[in-house]
Amino acid sequence: MKDKLFNTKSKRLAALSAFTTLLNHPGWILFVKIFDANAKELERQILAGGNEVPEGMMDAYRRKLEALRECINCPEKQIKDLTPVKAGDQPELDPYPTVDELKEKRGQPRG
């Protein structure tokens, strides 16, 4: 689905703008407050549940809490996913240092 919604640069930029605007919209801010209150209540029920709440119900509470958190974080996640990565911001994929980096770290002259 995303491949059709964000398949061009203009679509990605429009979506990025829409999600950024959404974060500051009074309706979204109210929505987040409601979801936060619901999440806190679910957390309270999960913590207070103990042995009195059937395990199946606790699992349902946990799934609902996870779904609430995903909804609250959705615009930020979309913004992060849609923001173009700059050449200098690309993560280093090679976990091992180069010989020169090792020498520099050890205080040896590069060579």
N, C-alpha and C. Protein backbone atom coordinates (compact mmCIF):
# COMPACT_ATOMS: atom_id res chain seq x y z
N MET A 1 0.81 -1.19 0.00
CA MET A 1 0.00 0.00 0.00
C MET A 1 0.86 1.26 0.00
N LYS A 2 1.93 1.26 0.83
CA LYS A 2 2.79 2.43 0.88
C LYS A 2 3.45 2.70 -0.46
N ASP A 3 3.69 1.64 -1.22
CA ASP A 3 4.35 1.83 -2.51
C ASP A 3 3.49 2.65 -3.47
N LYS A 4 2.18 2.68 -3.26
CA LYS A 4 1.30 3.50 -4.10
C LYS A 4 1.05 4.88 -3.49
N LEU A 5 1.07 4.95 -2.16
CA LEU A 5 0.81 6.23 -1.50
C LEU A 5 2.00 7.17 -1.55
N PHE A 6 3.20 6.62 -1.50
CA PHE A 6 4.40 7.44 -1.41
C PHE A 6 5.40 7.11 -2.51
N ASN A 7 4.92 6.80 -3.70
CA ASN A 7 5.80 6.33 -4.77
C ASN A 7 6.47 7.45 -5.58
N THR A 8 6.16 8.68 -5.27
CA THR A 8 6.84 9.79 -5.95
C THR A 8 7.34 10.78 -4.90
N LYS A 9 8.30 11.57 -5.30
CA LYS A 9 8.86 12.56 -4.37
C LYS A 9 7.78 13.55 -3.93
N SER A 10 6.93 13.98 -4.85
CA SER A 10 5.89 14.95 -4.50
C SER A 10 4.88 14.34 -3.53
N LYS A 11 4.55 13.06 -3.69
CA LYS A 11 3.64 12.40 -2.75
C LYS A 11 4.27 12.28 -1.36
N ARG A 12 5.56 11.96 -1.33
CA ARG A 12 6.25 11.84 -0.04
C ARG A 12 6.31 13.20 0.66
N LEU A 13 6.63 14.25 -0.08
CA LEU A 13 6.71 15.59 0.50
C LEU A 13 5.34 16.07 0.99
N ALA A 14 4.29 15.77 0.22
CA ALA A 14 2.94 16.15 0.63
C ALA A 14 2.54 15.40 1.90
N ALA A 15 2.86 14.12 1.97
CA ALA A 15 2.55 13.34 3.17
C ALA A 15 3.35 13.84 4.36
N LEU A 16 4.60 14.15 4.15
CA LEU A 16 5.45 14.67 5.21
C LEU A 16 4.87 15.97 5.77
N SER A 17 4.44 16.84 4.87
CA SER A 17 3.83 18.10 5.28
C SER A 17 2.53 17.85 6.05
N ALA A 18 1.71 16.92 5.56
CA ALA A 18 0.43 16.62 6.21
C ALA A 18 0.64 16.05 7.61
N PHE A 19 1.59 15.14 7.77
CA PHE A 19 1.84 14.57 9.10
C PHE A 19 2.43 15.60 10.05
N THR A 20 3.27 16.48 9.53
CA THR A 20 3.85 17.53 10.37
C THR A 20 2.76 18.49 10.83
N THR A 21 1.86 18.84 9.94
CA THR A 21 0.74 19.72 10.28
C THR A 21 -0.19 19.03 11.27
N LEU A 22 -0.41 17.74 11.08
CA LEU A 22 -1.29 16.98 11.97
C LEU A 22 -0.81 17.03 13.42
N LEU A 23 0.50 16.95 13.63
CA LEU A 23 1.03 16.95 14.99
C LEU A 23 0.66 18.21 15.77
N ASN A 24 0.47 19.33 15.07
CA ASN A 24 0.16 20.60 15.73
C ASN A 24 -1.33 20.92 15.72
N HIS A 25 -2.14 20.07 15.13
CA HIS A 25 -3.57 20.32 15.03
C HIS A 25 -4.24 20.11 16.40
N PRO A 26 -5.13 21.03 16.82
CA PRO A 26 -5.79 20.89 18.12
C PRO A 26 -6.55 19.56 18.27
N GLY A 27 -7.12 19.08 17.19
CA GLY A 27 -7.83 17.80 17.25
C GLY A 27 -6.90 16.65 17.55
N TRP A 28 -5.71 16.65 16.93
CA TRP A 28 -4.74 15.60 17.20
C TRP A 28 -4.22 15.69 18.63
N ILE A 29 -3.98 16.89 19.09
CA ILE A 29 -3.49 17.09 20.46
C ILE A 29 -4.52 16.55 21.46
N LEU A 30 -5.80 16.81 21.22
CA LEU A 30 -6.85 16.27 22.08
C LEU A 30 -6.90 14.74 21.98
N PHE A 31 -6.78 14.24 20.76
CA PHE A 31 -6.77 12.79 20.52
C PHE A 31 -5.66 12.12 21.33
N VAL A 32 -4.47 12.71 21.33
CA VAL A 32 -3.33 12.16 22.08
C VAL A 32 -3.61 12.19 23.57
N LYS A 33 -4.22 13.28 24.06
CA LYS A 33 -4.56 13.35 25.49
C LYS A 33 -5.52 12.23 25.88
N ILE A 34 -6.52 11.99 25.04
CA ILE A 34 -7.48 10.91 25.30
C ILE A 34 -6.78 9.56 25.28
N PHE A 35 -5.96 9.33 24.27
CA PHE A 35 -5.24 8.06 24.17
C PHE A 35 -4.28 7.87 25.34
N ASP A 36 -3.60 8.95 25.75
CA ASP A 36 -2.69 8.86 26.89
C ASP A 36 -3.46 8.47 28.16
N ALA A 37 -4.62 9.09 28.37
CA ALA A 37 -5.44 8.76 29.54
C ALA A 37 -5.88 7.30 29.49
N ASN A 38 -6.30 6.85 28.32
CA ASN A 38 -6.71 5.45 28.17
C ASN A 38 -5.53 4.50 28.40
N ALA A 39 -4.36 4.88 27.91
CA ALA A 39 -3.17 4.05 28.09
C ALA A 39 -2.80 3.95 29.56
N LYS A 40 -2.88 5.07 30.29
CA LYS A 40 -2.57 5.05 31.72
C LYS A 40 -3.56 4.17 32.47
N GLU A 41 -4.81 4.22 32.09
CA GLU A 41 -5.82 3.37 32.74
C GLU A 41 -5.54 1.89 32.45
N LEU A 42 -5.19 1.58 31.22
CA LEU A 42 -4.84 0.20 30.89
C LEU A 42 -3.61 -0.27 31.66
N GLU A 43 -2.61 0.59 31.77
CA GLU A 43 -1.42 0.24 32.55
C GLU A 43 -1.79 -0.03 34.01
N ARG A 44 -2.67 0.80 34.56
CA ARG A 44 -3.12 0.60 35.93
C ARG A 44 -3.83 -0.74 36.08
N GLN A 45 -4.70 -1.06 35.13
CA GLN A 45 -5.43 -2.33 35.18
C GLN A 45 -4.48 -3.52 35.06
N ILE A 46 -3.48 -3.38 34.20
CA ILE A 46 -2.51 -4.47 34.02
C ILE A 46 -1.71 -4.67 35.31
N LEU A 47 -1.25 -3.57 35.90
CA LEU A 47 -0.45 -3.67 37.12
C LEU A 47 -1.28 -4.15 38.32
N ALA A 48 -2.54 -3.73 38.38
CA ALA A 48 -3.39 -4.11 39.50
C ALA A 48 -4.01 -5.49 39.31
N GLY A 49 -3.99 -5.99 38.07
CA GLY A 49 -4.69 -7.24 37.75
C GLY A 49 -4.27 -8.42 38.59
N GLY A 50 -2.98 -8.66 38.65
CA GLY A 50 -2.48 -9.78 39.43
C GLY A 50 -3.17 -11.08 39.08
N ASN A 51 -3.54 -11.84 40.08
CA ASN A 51 -4.18 -13.15 39.89
C ASN A 51 -5.69 -13.04 39.71
N GLU A 52 -6.26 -11.85 39.95
CA GLU A 52 -7.70 -11.69 39.90
C GLU A 52 -8.24 -11.58 38.48
N VAL A 53 -7.41 -11.18 37.55
CA VAL A 53 -7.83 -11.01 36.16
C VAL A 53 -7.37 -12.22 35.36
N PRO A 54 -8.28 -12.85 34.59
CA PRO A 54 -7.87 -14.00 33.77
C PRO A 54 -6.76 -13.62 32.80
N GLU A 55 -5.86 -14.57 32.54
CA GLU A 55 -4.71 -14.33 31.69
C GLU A 55 -5.12 -13.84 30.30
N GLY A 56 -6.19 -14.40 29.75
CA GLY A 56 -6.67 -13.97 28.44
C GLY A 56 -7.05 -12.50 28.42
N MET A 57 -7.63 -12.04 29.53
CA MET A 57 -8.01 -10.63 29.63
C MET A 57 -6.78 -9.75 29.75
N MET A 58 -5.77 -10.21 30.48
CA MET A 58 -4.52 -9.45 30.60
C MET A 58 -3.85 -9.32 29.24
N ASP A 59 -3.87 -10.40 28.46
CA ASP A 59 -3.30 -10.34 27.11
C ASP A 59 -4.05 -9.32 26.26
N ALA A 60 -5.37 -9.28 26.40
CA ALA A 60 -6.18 -8.32 25.65
C ALA A 60 -5.82 -6.89 26.06
N TYR A 61 -5.63 -6.66 27.37
CA TYR A 61 -5.23 -5.34 27.86
C TYR A 61 -3.89 -4.95 27.26
N ARG A 62 -2.95 -5.88 27.24
CA ARG A 62 -1.61 -5.60 26.71
C ARG A 62 -1.66 -5.27 25.21
N ARG A 63 -2.46 -6.04 24.46
CA ARG A 63 -2.59 -5.77 23.02
C ARG A 63 -3.22 -4.40 22.78
N LYS A 64 -4.24 -4.08 23.57
CA LYS A 64 -4.90 -2.79 23.41
C LYS A 64 -3.94 -1.65 23.75
N LEU A 65 -3.15 -1.82 24.80
CA LEU A 65 -2.16 -0.81 25.18
C LEU A 65 -1.14 -0.61 24.07
N GLU A 66 -0.67 -1.71 23.49
CA GLU A 66 0.29 -1.62 22.39
C GLU A 66 -0.33 -0.90 21.19
N ALA A 67 -1.59 -1.20 20.89
CA ALA A 67 -2.28 -0.55 19.77
C ALA A 67 -2.43 0.96 20.02
N LEU A 68 -2.74 1.33 21.25
CA LEU A 68 -2.86 2.76 21.59
C LEU A 68 -1.54 3.47 21.38
N ARG A 69 -0.47 2.85 21.84
CA ARG A 69 0.85 3.47 21.68
C ARG A 69 1.24 3.60 20.21
N GLU A 70 0.91 2.60 19.41
CA GLU A 70 1.20 2.67 17.98
C GLU A 70 0.44 3.82 17.33
N CYS A 71 -0.82 4.00 17.72
CA CYS A 71 -1.62 5.09 17.15
C CYS A 71 -1.04 6.45 17.53
N ILE A 72 -0.66 6.59 18.80
CA ILE A 72 -0.10 7.87 19.27
C ILE A 72 1.19 8.19 18.53
N ASN A 73 2.00 7.19 18.27
CA ASN A 73 3.31 7.41 17.65
C ASN A 73 3.28 7.38 16.12
N CYS A 74 2.14 7.13 15.53
CA CYS A 74 2.04 6.96 14.08
C CYS A 74 2.55 8.18 13.29
N PRO A 75 2.11 9.40 13.58
CA PRO A 75 2.60 10.53 12.77
C PRO A 75 4.12 10.70 12.85
N GLU A 76 4.69 10.58 14.06
CA GLU A 76 6.13 10.72 14.20
C GLU A 76 6.87 9.64 13.42
N LYS A 77 6.35 8.42 13.47
CA LYS A 77 6.98 7.32 12.74
C LYS A 77 6.93 7.57 11.24
N GLN A 78 5.78 8.05 10.76
CA GLN A 78 5.65 8.33 9.33
C GLN A 78 6.59 9.46 8.91
N ILE A 79 6.70 10.49 9.75
CA ILE A 79 7.61 11.60 9.45
C ILE A 79 9.04 11.08 9.35
N LYS A 80 9.43 10.25 10.31
CA LYS A 80 10.78 9.69 10.29
C LYS A 80 11.00 8.84 9.04
N ASP A 81 10.01 8.02 8.70
CA ASP A 81 10.14 7.14 7.53
C ASP A 81 10.17 7.92 6.21
N LEU A 82 9.47 9.04 6.17
CA LEU A 82 9.37 9.81 4.93
C LEU A 82 10.46 10.86 4.76
N THR A 83 11.15 11.18 5.84
CA THR A 83 12.20 12.20 5.76
C THR A 83 13.38 11.63 4.98
N PRO A 84 13.79 12.31 3.92
CA PRO A 84 14.92 11.81 3.13
C PRO A 84 16.21 11.79 3.96
N VAL A 85 16.98 10.77 3.78
CA VAL A 85 18.26 10.64 4.47
C VAL A 85 19.31 11.40 3.68
N LYS A 86 20.02 12.28 4.36
CA LYS A 86 21.10 13.03 3.71
C LYS A 86 22.33 12.15 3.64
N ALA A 87 23.18 12.40 2.69
CA ALA A 87 24.36 11.56 2.47
C ALA A 87 25.21 11.42 3.73
N GLY A 88 25.42 12.50 4.47
CA GLY A 88 26.23 12.45 5.68
C GLY A 88 25.53 11.80 6.86
N ASP A 89 24.20 11.65 6.78
CA ASP A 89 23.43 11.10 7.89
C ASP A 89 23.23 9.59 7.79
N GLN A 90 23.73 8.98 6.73
CA GLN A 90 23.53 7.55 6.57
C GLN A 90 24.30 6.80 7.65
N PRO A 91 23.66 5.81 8.25
CA PRO A 91 24.34 5.07 9.31
C PRO A 91 25.48 4.23 8.76
N GLU A 92 26.48 4.03 9.57
CA GLU A 92 27.61 3.18 9.20
C GLU A 92 27.14 1.73 9.30
N LEU A 93 27.14 1.04 8.20
CA LEU A 93 26.65 -0.34 8.17
C LEU A 93 27.72 -1.34 8.55
N ASP A 94 28.98 -0.96 8.41
CA ASP A 94 30.07 -1.86 8.76
C ASP A 94 30.39 -1.69 10.24
N PRO A 95 30.17 -2.73 11.05
CA PRO A 95 30.39 -2.58 12.49
C PRO A 95 31.85 -2.61 12.91
N TYR A 96 32.75 -2.95 11.98
CA TYR A 96 34.16 -3.09 12.32
C TYR A 96 34.95 -1.86 11.89
N PRO A 97 35.86 -1.40 12.77
CA PRO A 97 36.67 -0.23 12.41
C PRO A 97 37.72 -0.59 11.36
N THR A 98 38.14 0.43 10.63
CA THR A 98 39.22 0.23 9.66
C THR A 98 40.55 0.16 10.41
N VAL A 99 41.59 -0.25 9.71
CA VAL A 99 42.93 -0.32 10.31
C VAL A 99 43.35 1.06 10.78
N ASP A 100 43.13 2.06 9.96
CA ASP A 100 43.50 3.43 10.34
C ASP A 100 42.73 3.89 11.58
N GLU A 101 41.45 3.55 11.67
CA GLU A 101 40.67 3.93 12.85
C GLU A 101 41.20 3.24 14.11
N LEU A 102 41.60 1.98 13.99
CA LEU A 102 42.17 1.25 15.12
C LEU A 102 43.49 1.88 15.57
N LYS A 103 44.33 2.22 14.60
CA LYS A 103 45.60 2.85 14.92
C LYS A 103 45.39 4.19 15.62
N GLU A 104 44.46 4.96 15.11
CA GLU A 104 44.16 6.26 15.71
C GLU A 104 43.64 6.09 17.13
N LYS A 105 42.79 5.11 17.33
CA LYS A 105 42.23 4.84 18.65
C LYS A 105 43.32 4.43 19.64
N ARG A 106 44.31 3.69 19.16
CA ARG A 106 45.40 3.21 20.00
C ARG A 106 46.53 4.23 20.13
N GLY A 107 46.42 5.34 19.44
CA GLY A 107 47.44 6.36 19.52
C GLY A 107 48.66 6.08 18.66
N GLN A 108 48.52 5.20 17.71
CA GLN A 108 49.63 4.87 16.82
C GLN A 108 49.56 5.76 15.58
N PRO A 109 50.68 6.03 14.96
CA PRO A 109 50.65 6.83 13.73
C PRO A 109 49.93 6.06 12.63
N ARG A 110 49.18 6.82 11.85
CA ARG A 110 48.46 6.20 10.72
C ARG A 110 49.44 5.88 9.62
N GLY A 111 49.10 4.84 8.89
CA GLY A 111 50.03 4.49 8.00
C GLY A 111 50.11 4.18 6.66
